[in-house]
PDB file of N, CA and C in Angstrom:
ATOM      1  N   MET A   1       1.016  -1.181  -0.014  1.00  0.00           N
ATOM      2  CA  MET A   1      -0.171   0.146   0.133  1.00  0.00           C
ATOM      3  C   MET A   1       0.999   1.286  -0.036  1.00  0.00           C
ATOM      4  N   LEU A   2       1.873   1.217   0.706  1.00  0.00           N
ATOM      5  CA  LEU A   2       2.946   2.368   0.728  1.00  0.00           C
ATOM      6  C   LEU A   2       3.457   2.783  -0.916  1.00  0.00           C
ATOM      7  N   LYS A   3       3.760   1.582  -1.274  1.00  0.00           N
ATOM      8  CA  LYS A   3       4.329   1.491  -2.676  1.00  0.00           C
ATOM      9  C   LYS A   3       3.370   2.270  -3.404  1.00  0.00           C
ATOM     10  N   LYS A   4       2.265   1.875  -3.490  1.00  0.00           N
ATOM     11  CA  LYS A   4       1.212   2.622  -4.429  1.00  0.00           C
ATOM     12  C   LYS A   4       1.000   4.098  -3.985  1.00  0.00           C
ATOM     13  N   TRP A   5       0.951   4.454  -2.915  1.00  0.00           N
ATOM     14  CA  TRP A   5       0.837   5.809  -2.447  1.00  0.00           C
ATOM     15  C   TRP A   5       2.288   6.365  -3.082  1.00  0.00           C
ATOM     16  N   LEU A   6       3.166   5.820  -2.747  1.00  0.00           N
ATOM     17  CA  LEU A   6       4.427   6.863  -3.148  1.00  0.00           C
ATOM     18  C   LEU A   6       4.683   6.919  -4.863  1.00  0.00           C
ATOM     19  N   SER A   7       4.198   5.941  -5.280  1.00  0.00           N
ATOM     20  CA  SER A   7       4.201   5.983  -6.737  1.00  0.00           C
ATOM     21  C   SER A   7       3.080   7.013  -7.527  1.00  0.00           C
ATOM     22  N   GLY A   8       1.942   6.925  -6.757  1.00  0.00           N
ATOM     23  CA  GLY A   8       0.955   8.012  -7.034  1.00  0.00           C
ATOM     24  C   GLY A   8       1.464   9.529  -6.840  1.00  0.00           C
ATOM     25  N   LEU A   9       2.123   9.314  -5.636  1.00  0.00           N
ATOM     26  CA  LEU A   9       2.633  10.934  -4.975  1.00  0.00           C
ATOM     27  C   LEU A   9       3.703  11.450  -6.188  1.00  0.00           C
ATOM     28  N   PHE A  10       4.555  10.610  -6.909  1.00  0.00           N
ATOM     29  CA  PHE A  10       5.552  10.721  -7.815  1.00  0.00           C
ATOM     30  C   PHE A  10       5.148  10.727  -9.043  1.00  0.00           C
ATOM     31  N   GLY A  11       3.844  10.660  -9.352  1.00  0.00           N
ATOM     32  CA  GLY A  11       3.545  10.518 -10.813  1.00  0.00           C
ATOM     33  C   GLY A  11       3.861   9.286 -11.688  1.00  0.00           C
ATOM     34  N   ALA A  12       4.177   8.129 -10.921  1.00  0.00           N
ATOM     35  CA  ALA A  12       4.262   6.928 -11.628  1.00  0.00           C
ATOM     36  C   ALA A  12       3.166   6.049 -11.256  1.00  0.00           C
ATOM     37  N   SER A  13       1.796   6.542 -11.369  1.00  0.00           N
ATOM     38  CA  SER A  13       0.791   5.281 -10.908  1.00  0.00           C
ATOM     39  C   SER A  13       0.562   4.467 -12.378  1.00  0.00           C
ATOM     40  N   GLU A  14       0.854   4.994 -13.383  1.00  0.00           N
ATOM     41  CA  GLU A  14       0.868   4.244 -14.477  1.00  0.00           C
ATOM     42  C   GLU A  14       2.218   3.509 -14.680  1.00  0.00           C
ATOM     43  N   LYS A  15       2.079   2.187 -15.412  1.00  0.00           N
ATOM     44  CA  LYS A  15       3.286   1.566 -15.757  1.00  0.00           C
ATOM     45  C   LYS A  15       4.047   2.215 -16.695  1.00  0.00           C
ATOM     46  N   ALA A  16       5.525   2.467 -16.290  1.00  0.00           N
ATOM     47  CA  ALA A  16       6.256   3.031 -17.235  1.00  0.00           C
ATOM     48  C   ALA A  16       7.020   2.025 -17.973  1.00  0.00           C
ATOM     49  N   THR A  17       6.437   1.057 -18.722  1.00  0.00           N
ATOM     50  CA  THR A  17       7.036   0.131 -19.411  1.00  0.00           C
ATOM     51  C   THR A  17       6.206  -0.143 -20.846  1.00  0.00           C
ATOM     52  N   GLY A  18       6.674  -0.231 -21.930  1.00  0.00           N
ATOM     53  CA  GLY A  18       5.966  -0.251 -23.158  1.00  0.00           C
ATOM     54  C   GLY A  18       5.783   1.039 -23.689  1.00  0.00           C
ATOM     55  N   SER A  19       4.540   1.105 -24.444  1.00  0.00           N
ATOM     56  CA  SER A  19       3.992   2.133 -24.888  1.00  0.00           C
ATOM     57  C   SER A  19       2.758   2.507 -23.967  1.00  0.00           C
ATOM     58  N   ALA A  20       2.466   3.984 -23.593  1.00  0.00           N
ATOM     59  CA  ALA A  20       1.825   4.412 -23.072  1.00  0.00           C
ATOM     60  C   ALA A  20       0.558   4.626 -24.131  1.00  0.00           C
ATOM     61  N   SER A  21      -0.660   4.902 -23.530  1.00  0.00           N
ATOM     62  CA  SER A  21      -1.907   5.253 -24.325  1.00  0.00           C
ATOM     63  C   SER A  21      -1.511   6.713 -24.583  1.00  0.00           C
ATOM     64  N   ALA A  22      -2.137   6.955 -25.704  1.00  0.00           N
ATOM     65  CA  ALA A  22      -2.006   8.314 -26.492  1.00  0.00           C
ATOM     66  C   ALA A  22      -2.847   9.540 -25.473  1.00  0.00           C
ATOM     67  N   ALA A  23      -2.262  10.652 -25.495  1.00  0.00           N
ATOM     68  CA  ALA A  23      -2.843  11.708 -24.800  1.00  0.00           C
ATOM     69  C   ALA A  23      -3.922  12.528 -25.567  1.00  0.00           C
ATOM     70  N   GLU A  24      -4.658  13.112 -25.217  1.00  0.00           N
ATOM     71  CA  GLU A  24      -5.481  13.974 -25.921  1.00  0.00           C
ATOM     72  C   GLU A  24      -4.770  14.943 -26.886  1.00  0.00           C
ATOM     73  N   PRO A  25      -5.038  15.025 -28.111  1.00  0.00           N
ATOM     74  CA  PRO A  25      -4.552  15.876 -29.157  1.00  0.00           C
ATOM     75  C   PRO A  25      -4.493  17.203 -28.590  1.00  0.00           C
ATOM     76  N   VAL A  26      -3.518  17.965 -28.964  1.00  0.00           N
ATOM     77  CA  VAL A  26      -3.421  19.450 -28.748  1.00  0.00           C
ATOM     78  C   VAL A  26      -3.080  19.850 -30.161  1.00  0.00           C
ATOM     79  N   GLU A  27      -4.014  21.100 -30.349  1.00  0.00           N
ATOM     80  CA  GLU A  27      -3.986  21.803 -31.619  1.00  0.00           C
ATOM     81  C   GLU A  27      -3.059  22.913 -31.681  1.00  0.00           C
ATOM     82  N   TYR A  28      -2.395  22.849 -32.783  1.00  0.00           N
ATOM     83  CA  TYR A  28      -1.046  24.136 -32.958  1.00  0.00           C
ATOM     84  C   TYR A  28      -0.876  24.464 -34.250  1.00  0.00           C
ATOM     85  N   GLN A  29      -1.488  25.695 -34.733  1.00  0.00           N
ATOM     86  CA  GLN A  29      -1.067  26.063 -36.035  1.00  0.00           C
ATOM     87  C   GLN A  29      -1.567  25.190 -36.985  1.00  0.00           C
ATOM     88  N   GLY A  30      -2.741  24.501 -36.617  1.00  0.00           N
ATOM     89  CA  GLY A  30      -3.348  23.610 -37.863  1.00  0.00           C
ATOM     90  C   GLY A  30      -2.778  22.233 -37.788  1.00  0.00           C
ATOM     91  N   TYR A  31      -1.908  21.849 -36.778  1.00  0.00           N
ATOM     92  CA  TYR A  31      -1.560  20.455 -36.593  1.00  0.00           C
ATOM     93  C   TYR A  31      -2.191  20.204 -35.418  1.00  0.00           C
ATOM     94  N   GLN A  32      -1.899  18.808 -35.236  1.00  0.00           N
ATOM     95  CA  GLN A  32      -2.415  18.267 -34.003  1.00  0.00           C
ATOM     96  C   GLN A  32      -1.191  17.424 -33.434  1.00  0.00           C
ATOM     97  N   ILE A  33      -0.848  17.680 -31.988  1.00  0.00           N
ATOM     98  CA  ILE A  33       0.221  17.015 -31.606  1.00  0.00           C
ATOM     99  C   ILE A  33      -0.480  16.119 -30.535  1.00  0.00           C
ATOM    100  N   ILE A  34       0.079  14.845 -30.676  1.00  0.00           N
ATOM    101  CA  ILE A  34      -0.314  13.601 -29.784  1.00  0.00           C
ATOM    102  C   ILE A  34       0.777  13.250 -29.105  1.00  0.00           C
ATOM    103  N   SER A  35       0.844  13.199 -27.739  1.00  0.00           N
ATOM    104  CA  SER A  35       1.867  12.676 -27.063  1.00  0.00           C
ATOM    105  C   SER A  35       1.503  11.006 -26.762  1.00  0.00           C
ATOM    106  N   GLU A  36       2.459  10.277 -27.111  1.00  0.00           N
ATOM    107  CA  GLU A  36       2.380   8.723 -26.794  1.00  0.00           C
ATOM    108  C   GLU A  36       4.020   8.159 -26.346  1.00  0.00           C
ATOM    109  N   PRO A  37       4.122   8.651 -25.175  1.00  0.00           N
ATOM    110  CA  PRO A  37       5.521   8.250 -24.693  1.00  0.00           C
ATOM    111  C   PRO A  37       5.680   6.709 -24.461  1.00  0.00           C
ATOM    112  N   ASP A  38       6.819   6.274 -24.752  1.00  0.00           N
ATOM    113  CA  ASP A  38       7.201   4.879 -24.465  1.00  0.00           C
ATOM    114  C   ASP A  38       7.975   4.920 -23.302  1.00  0.00           C
ATOM    115  N   GLY A  39       7.351   4.054 -22.359  1.00  0.00           N
ATOM    116  CA  GLY A  39       7.977   3.840 -21.002  1.00  0.00           C
ATOM    117  C   GLY A  39       9.304   2.838 -20.927  1.00  0.00           C
ATOM    118  N   GLU A  40      10.129   3.381 -20.341  1.00  0.00           N
ATOM    119  CA  GLU A  40      11.220   2.496 -20.140  1.00  0.00           C
ATOM    120  C   GLU A  40      12.011   2.730 -18.642  1.00  0.00           C
ATOM    121  N   GLY A  41      12.347   1.390 -18.137  1.00  0.00           N
ATOM    122  CA  GLY A  41      12.593   1.746 -16.838  1.00  0.00           C
ATOM    123  C   GLY A  41      12.253   2.535 -15.609  1.00  0.00           C
ATOM    124  N   GLY A  42      10.754   2.657 -15.824  1.00  0.00           N
ATOM    125  CA  GLY A  42      10.323   3.758 -14.856  1.00  0.00           C
ATOM    126  C   GLY A  42      10.095   4.921 -15.338  1.00  0.00           C
ATOM    127  N   GLN A  43      10.489   5.388 -16.346  1.00  0.00           N
ATOM    128  CA  GLN A  43      10.372   6.750 -17.125  1.00  0.00           C
ATOM    129  C   GLN A  43       9.568   6.714 -18.452  1.00  0.00           C
ATOM    130  N   TYR A  44       9.479   7.843 -18.783  1.00  0.00           N
ATOM    131  CA  TYR A  44       8.837   8.078 -20.122  1.00  0.00           C
ATOM    132  C   TYR A  44       9.711   8.636 -21.011  1.00  0.00           C
ATOM    133  N   ARG A  45       9.812   8.226 -22.181  1.00  0.00           N
ATOM    134  CA  ARG A  45      10.519   8.853 -23.124  1.00  0.00           C
ATOM    135  C   ARG A  45       9.668   9.590 -24.188  1.00  0.00           C
ATOM    136  N   VAL A  46      10.045  10.889 -24.301  1.00  0.00           N
ATOM    137  CA  VAL A  46       9.124  11.780 -25.305  1.00  0.00           C
ATOM    138  C   VAL A  46       9.076  11.177 -26.440  1.00  0.00           C
ATOM    139  N   SER A  47       7.793  10.945 -26.997  1.00  0.00           N
ATOM    140  CA  SER A  47       7.524  10.201 -28.410  1.00  0.00           C
ATOM    141  C   SER A  47       5.846  10.637 -28.666  1.00  0.00           C
ATOM    142  N   GLY A  48       5.751  10.575 -29.771  1.00  0.00           N
ATOM    143  CA  GLY A  48       4.363  10.886 -30.208  1.00  0.00           C
ATOM    144  C   GLY A  48       4.191  10.983 -31.720  1.00  0.00           C
ATOM    145  N   TRP A  49       3.171  11.639 -32.044  1.00  0.00           N
ATOM    146  CA  TRP A  49       2.822  11.905 -33.505  1.00  0.00           C
ATOM    147  C   TRP A  49       2.606  13.529 -33.577  1.00  0.00           C
ATOM    148  N   ILE A  50       2.971  14.068 -34.822  1.00  0.00           N
ATOM    149  CA  ILE A  50       2.348  15.181 -35.326  1.00  0.00           C
ATOM    150  C   ILE A  50       1.704  14.789 -36.680  1.00  0.00           C
ATOM    151  N   ARG A  51       0.284  15.524 -36.658  1.00  0.00           N
ATOM    152  CA  ARG A  51      -0.766  15.044 -37.600  1.00  0.00           C
ATOM    153  C   ARG A  51      -1.375  16.401 -38.350  1.00  0.00           C
ATOM    154  N   ARG A  52      -1.726  16.465 -39.489  1.00  0.00           N
ATOM    155  CA  ARG A  52      -2.443  17.554 -40.149  1.00  0.00           C
ATOM    156  C   ARG A  52      -3.334  16.916 -41.415  1.00  0.00           C
ATOM    157  N   ALA A  53      -4.336  17.708 -41.596  1.00  0.00           N
ATOM    158  CA  ALA A  53      -5.057  17.370 -42.874  1.00  0.00           C
ATOM    159  C   ALA A  53      -3.881  17.874 -44.004  1.00  0.00           C
ATOM    160  N   GLY A  54      -3.783  17.201 -45.280  1.00  0.00           N
ATOM    161  CA  GLY A  54      -3.014  17.494 -46.397  1.00  0.00           C
ATOM    162  C   GLY A  54      -3.930  18.412 -47.318  1.00  0.00           C
ATOM    163  N   PRO A  55      -3.178  18.844 -48.359  1.00  0.00           N
ATOM    164  CA  PRO A  55      -3.799  19.727 -49.471  1.00  0.00           C
ATOM    165  C   PRO A  55      -5.077  19.094 -49.836  1.00  0.00           C
ATOM    166  N   GLU A  56      -5.153  17.837 -50.156  1.00  0.00           N
ATOM    167  CA  GLU A  56      -6.276  17.280 -50.472  1.00  0.00           C
ATOM    168  C   GLU A  56      -7.231  16.176 -49.435  1.00  0.00           C
ATOM    169  N   GLY A  57      -6.960  16.765 -48.217  1.00  0.00           N
ATOM    170  CA  GLY A  57      -7.736  16.092 -47.219  1.00  0.00           C
ATOM    171  C   GLY A  57      -7.238  14.777 -46.453  1.00  0.00           C
ATOM    172  N   GLU A  58      -5.965  14.467 -47.154  1.00  0.00           N
ATOM    173  CA  GLU A  58      -5.377  13.494 -46.869  1.00  0.00           C
ATOM    174  C   GLU A  58      -4.827  13.459 -45.582  1.00  0.00           C
ATOM    175  N   LEU A  59      -4.656  12.417 -44.497  1.00  0.00           N
ATOM    176  CA  LEU A  59      -3.836  12.373 -43.305  1.00  0.00           C
ATOM    177  C   LEU A  59      -2.665  12.412 -43.451  1.00  0.00           C
ATOM    178  N   GLN A  60      -1.633  13.332 -43.024  1.00  0.00           N
ATOM    179  CA  GLN A  60      -0.395  13.546 -42.791  1.00  0.00           C
ATOM    180  C   GLN A  60       0.189  13.128 -41.812  1.00  0.00           C
ATOM    181  N   GLU A  61       1.199  12.423 -41.335  1.00  0.00           N
ATOM    182  CA  GLU A  61       1.373  12.180 -40.119  1.00  0.00           C
ATOM    183  C   GLU A  61       3.225  11.839 -39.857  1.00  0.00           C
ATOM    184  N   HIS A  62       3.530  12.439 -38.742  1.00  0.00           N
ATOM    185  CA  HIS A  62       5.102  12.598 -38.597  1.00  0.00           C
ATOM    186  C   HIS A  62       5.355  11.753 -37.214  1.00  0.00           C
ATOM    187  N   ARG A  63       5.974  10.582 -37.335  1.00  0.00           N
ATOM    188  CA  ARG A  63       6.338  10.049 -36.059  1.00  0.00           C
ATOM    189  C   ARG A  63       7.461  11.123 -35.262  1.00  0.00           C
ATOM    190  N   PHE A  64       7.234  11.599 -34.175  1.00  0.00           N
ATOM    191  CA  PHE A  64       8.103  12.368 -33.293  1.00  0.00           C
ATOM    192  C   PHE A  64       8.624  11.724 -32.261  1.00  0.00           C
ATOM    193  N   GLU A  65      10.096  11.661 -31.979  1.00  0.00           N
ATOM    194  CA  GLU A  65      10.754  10.884 -31.087  1.00  0.00           C
ATOM    195  C   GLU A  65      11.921  11.694 -30.421  1.00  0.00           C
ATOM    196  N   ARG A  66      12.158  11.586 -29.268  1.00  0.00           N
ATOM    197  CA  ARG A  66      13.263  12.409 -28.701  1.00  0.00           C
ATOM    198  C   ARG A  66      13.926  11.533 -27.956  1.00  0.00           C
ATOM    199  N   SER A  67      15.092  11.878 -27.294  1.00  0.00           N
ATOM    200  CA  SER A  67      15.884  10.748 -26.290  1.00  0.00           C
ATOM    201  C   SER A  67      15.645  11.181 -25.021  1.00  0.00           C
ATOM    202  N   ASP A  68      14.705  12.569 -24.646  1.00  0.00           N
ATOM    203  CA  ASP A  68      14.635  12.808 -23.594  1.00  0.00           C
ATOM    204  C   ASP A  68      13.767  12.015 -22.671  1.00  0.00           C
ATOM    205  N   MET A  69      14.179  11.588 -21.235  1.00  0.00           N
ATOM    206  CA  MET A  69      13.583  10.744 -20.329  1.00  0.00           C
ATOM    207  C   MET A  69      12.751  11.429 -19.238  1.00  0.00           C
ATOM    208  N   VAL A  70      11.775  11.396 -18.921  1.00  0.00           N
ATOM    209  CA  VAL A  70      11.016  12.108 -17.917  1.00  0.00           C
ATOM    210  C   VAL A  70      10.165  11.105 -16.764  1.00  0.00           C
ATOM    211  N   PRO A  71      10.402  11.280 -15.535  1.00  0.00           N
ATOM    212  CA  PRO A  71       9.994  10.339 -14.679  1.00  0.00           C
ATOM    213  C   PRO A  71       8.255  10.399 -14.481  1.00  0.00           C
ATOM    214  N   GLY A  72       7.610  11.371 -14.924  1.00  0.00           N
ATOM    215  CA  GLY A  72       6.269  11.161 -14.993  1.00  0.00           C
ATOM    216  C   GLY A  72       5.404  11.684 -16.078  1.00  0.00           C
ATOM    217  N   ARG A  73       4.508  11.105 -16.141  1.00  0.00           N
ATOM    218  CA  ARG A  73       3.683  10.984 -17.416  1.00  0.00           C
ATOM    219  C   ARG A  73       3.130  12.370 -17.918  1.00  0.00           C
ATOM    220  N   GLU A  74       2.533  12.871 -16.887  1.00  0.00           N
ATOM    221  CA  GLU A  74       2.024  14.564 -17.275  1.00  0.00           C
ATOM    222  C   GLU A  74       3.159  15.359 -17.824  1.00  0.00           C
ATOM    223  N   ALA A  75       4.280  15.240 -17.151  1.00  0.00           N
ATOM    224  CA  ALA A  75       5.452  15.976 -17.419  1.00  0.00           C
ATOM    225  C   ALA A  75       6.067  15.732 -18.765  1.00  0.00           C
ATOM    226  N   CYS A  76       6.035  14.227 -19.419  1.00  0.00           N
ATOM    227  CA  CYS A  76       6.622  13.891 -20.525  1.00  0.00           C
ATOM    228  C   CYS A  76       5.664  14.440 -21.613  1.00  0.00           C
ATOM    229  N   ASP A  77       4.133  14.572 -21.199  1.00  0.00           N
ATOM    230  CA  ASP A  77       3.338  14.974 -22.204  1.00  0.00           C
ATOM    231  C   ASP A  77       3.579  16.692 -22.464  1.00  0.00           C
ATOM    232  N   GLN A  78       3.844  17.444 -21.399  1.00  0.00           N
ATOM    233  CA  GLN A  78       3.969  18.647 -21.743  1.00  0.00           C
ATOM    234  C   GLN A  78       5.137  18.818 -22.452  1.00  0.00           C
ATOM    235  N   LEU A  79       6.436  18.060 -22.145  1.00  0.00           N
ATOM    236  CA  LEU A  79       7.503  18.151 -22.973  1.00  0.00           C
ATOM    237  C   LEU A  79       7.369  18.133 -24.377  1.00  0.00           C
ATOM    238  N   MET A  80       6.613  16.929 -24.512  1.00  0.00           N
ATOM    239  CA  MET A  80       6.573  16.404 -25.844  1.00  0.00           C
ATOM    240  C   MET A  80       5.620  17.549 -26.486  1.00  0.00           C
ATOM    241  N   VAL A  81       4.804  18.356 -26.063  1.00  0.00           N
ATOM    242  CA  VAL A  81       3.895  19.323 -26.822  1.00  0.00           C
ATOM    243  C   VAL A  81       4.950  20.585 -27.018  1.00  0.00           C
ATOM    244  N   SER A  82       5.778  20.935 -25.910  1.00  0.00           N
ATOM    245  CA  SER A  82       6.589  22.073 -26.307  1.00  0.00           C
ATOM    246  C   SER A  82       7.583  21.913 -27.395  1.00  0.00           C
ATOM    247  N   LYS A  83       8.071  20.556 -27.471  1.00  0.00           N
ATOM    248  CA  LYS A  83       9.150  20.467 -28.176  1.00  0.00           C
ATOM    249  C   LYS A  83       8.559  20.095 -29.778  1.00  0.00           C
ATOM    250  N   ALA A  84       7.305  19.653 -29.868  1.00  0.00           N
ATOM    251  CA  ALA A  84       6.795  19.446 -31.324  1.00  0.00           C
ATOM    252  C   ALA A  84       6.430  20.945 -31.853  1.00  0.00           C
ATOM    253  N   GLN A  85       5.889  21.825 -30.629  1.00  0.00           N
ATOM    254  CA  GLN A  85       5.825  23.255 -31.243  1.00  0.00           C
ATOM    255  C   GLN A  85       7.030  23.814 -31.721  1.00  0.00           C
ATOM    256  N   ARG A  86       8.107  23.676 -31.087  1.00  0.00           N
ATOM    257  CA  ARG A  86       9.286  24.333 -31.351  1.00  0.00           C
ATOM    258  C   ARG A  86       9.742  23.463 -32.882  1.00  0.00           C
ATOM    259  N   PHE A  87       9.448  22.240 -33.058  1.00  0.00           N
ATOM    260  CA  PHE A  87       9.830  21.419 -34.296  1.00  0.00           C
ATOM    261  C   PHE A  87       8.847  21.930 -35.668  1.00  0.00           C
ATOM    262  N   ILE A  88       7.544  22.105 -35.136  1.00  0.00           N
ATOM    263  CA  ILE A  88       6.583  23.026 -36.327  1.00  0.00           C
ATOM    264  C   ILE A  88       6.900  24.199 -36.584  1.00  0.00           C
ATOM    265  N   ASP A  89       7.513  25.015 -35.642  1.00  0.00           N
ATOM    266  CA  ASP A  89       7.992  26.516 -35.993  1.00  0.00           C
ATOM    267  C   ASP A  89       9.064  26.259 -36.853  1.00  0.00           C
ATOM    268  N   GLU A  90      10.056  25.324 -36.714  1.00  0.00           N
ATOM    269  CA  GLU A  90      11.287  25.341 -37.499  1.00  0.00           C
ATOM    270  C   GLU A  90      11.312  24.667 -38.735  1.00  0.00           C
ATOM    271  N   VAL A  91      10.395  23.652 -38.717  1.00  0.00           N
ATOM    272  CA  VAL A  91      10.501  22.566 -40.113  1.00  0.00           C
ATOM    273  C   VAL A  91       9.079  22.899 -40.621  1.00  0.00           C
ATOM    274  N   GLY A  92       8.069  22.979 -40.204  1.00  0.00           N
ATOM    275  CA  GLY A  92       6.912  23.110 -41.004  1.00  0.00           C
ATOM    276  C   GLY A  92       6.498  22.019 -41.645  1.00  0.00           C
ATOM    277  N   GLU A  93       5.841  22.300 -42.736  1.00  0.00           N
ATOM    278  CA  GLU A  93       5.388  21.038 -43.591  1.00  0.00           C
ATOM    279  C   GLU A  93       6.440  20.288 -44.171  1.00  0.00           C
ATOM    280  N   ALA A  94       7.495  20.713 -44.370  1.00  0.00           N
ATOM    281  CA  ALA A  94       8.960  19.758 -44.815  1.00  0.00           C
ATOM    282  C   ALA A  94       8.874  18.489 -43.971  1.00  0.00           C
ATOM    283  N   MET A  95       8.182  18.532 -42.882  1.00  0.00           N
ATOM    284  CA  MET A  95       8.611  17.249 -41.951  1.00  0.00           C
ATOM    285  C   MET A  95       7.547  16.040 -42.731  1.00  0.00           C
ATOM    286  N   PHE A  96       6.866  16.306 -43.623  1.00  0.00           N
ATOM    287  CA  PHE A  96       6.155  15.522 -44.231  1.00  0.00           C
ATOM    288  C   PHE A  96       6.655  14.813 -45.809  1.00  0.00           C
ATOM    289  N   LYS A  97       7.736  15.762 -46.167  1.00  0.00           N
ATOM    290  CA  LYS A  97       8.313  15.255 -47.292  1.00  0.00           C
ATOM    291  C   LYS A  97       9.060  13.987 -47.341  1.00  0.00           C
ATOM    292  N   ALA A  98       8.949  13.294 -48.387  1.00  0.00           N
ATOM    293  CA  ALA A  98       9.535  12.014 -48.390  1.00  0.00           C
ATOM    294  C   ALA A  98      11.499  12.280 -48.359  1.00  0.00           C
ATOM    295  N   ARG A  99      11.900  11.452 -47.481  1.00  0.00           N
ATOM    296  CA  ARG A  99      13.267  11.710 -47.367  1.00  0.00           C
ATOM    297  C   ARG A  99      14.198  10.926 -48.561  1.00  0.00           C
TER     298      ARG A  99
END
């Protein structure tokens, strides 16, 4: 019981192993940012998706992954959104072009 209470206190109430469920999308300049962190060793890796409707209405998406590790899910979601917003500002629609 003490372990459950402490894990809830420090933001580790979800298991931080494997892929966590996707957070609610955040709208930013016509893009949707969806945090979907990967759990590793009790922490969360910043990752998710950046999506938008293309010129002909087709869904365009970019897998967004960073090396940052964060101990709590909520903090990870917030970091994902801020990093994705910066990425959108810097790269824009070029992220959807074939490499």
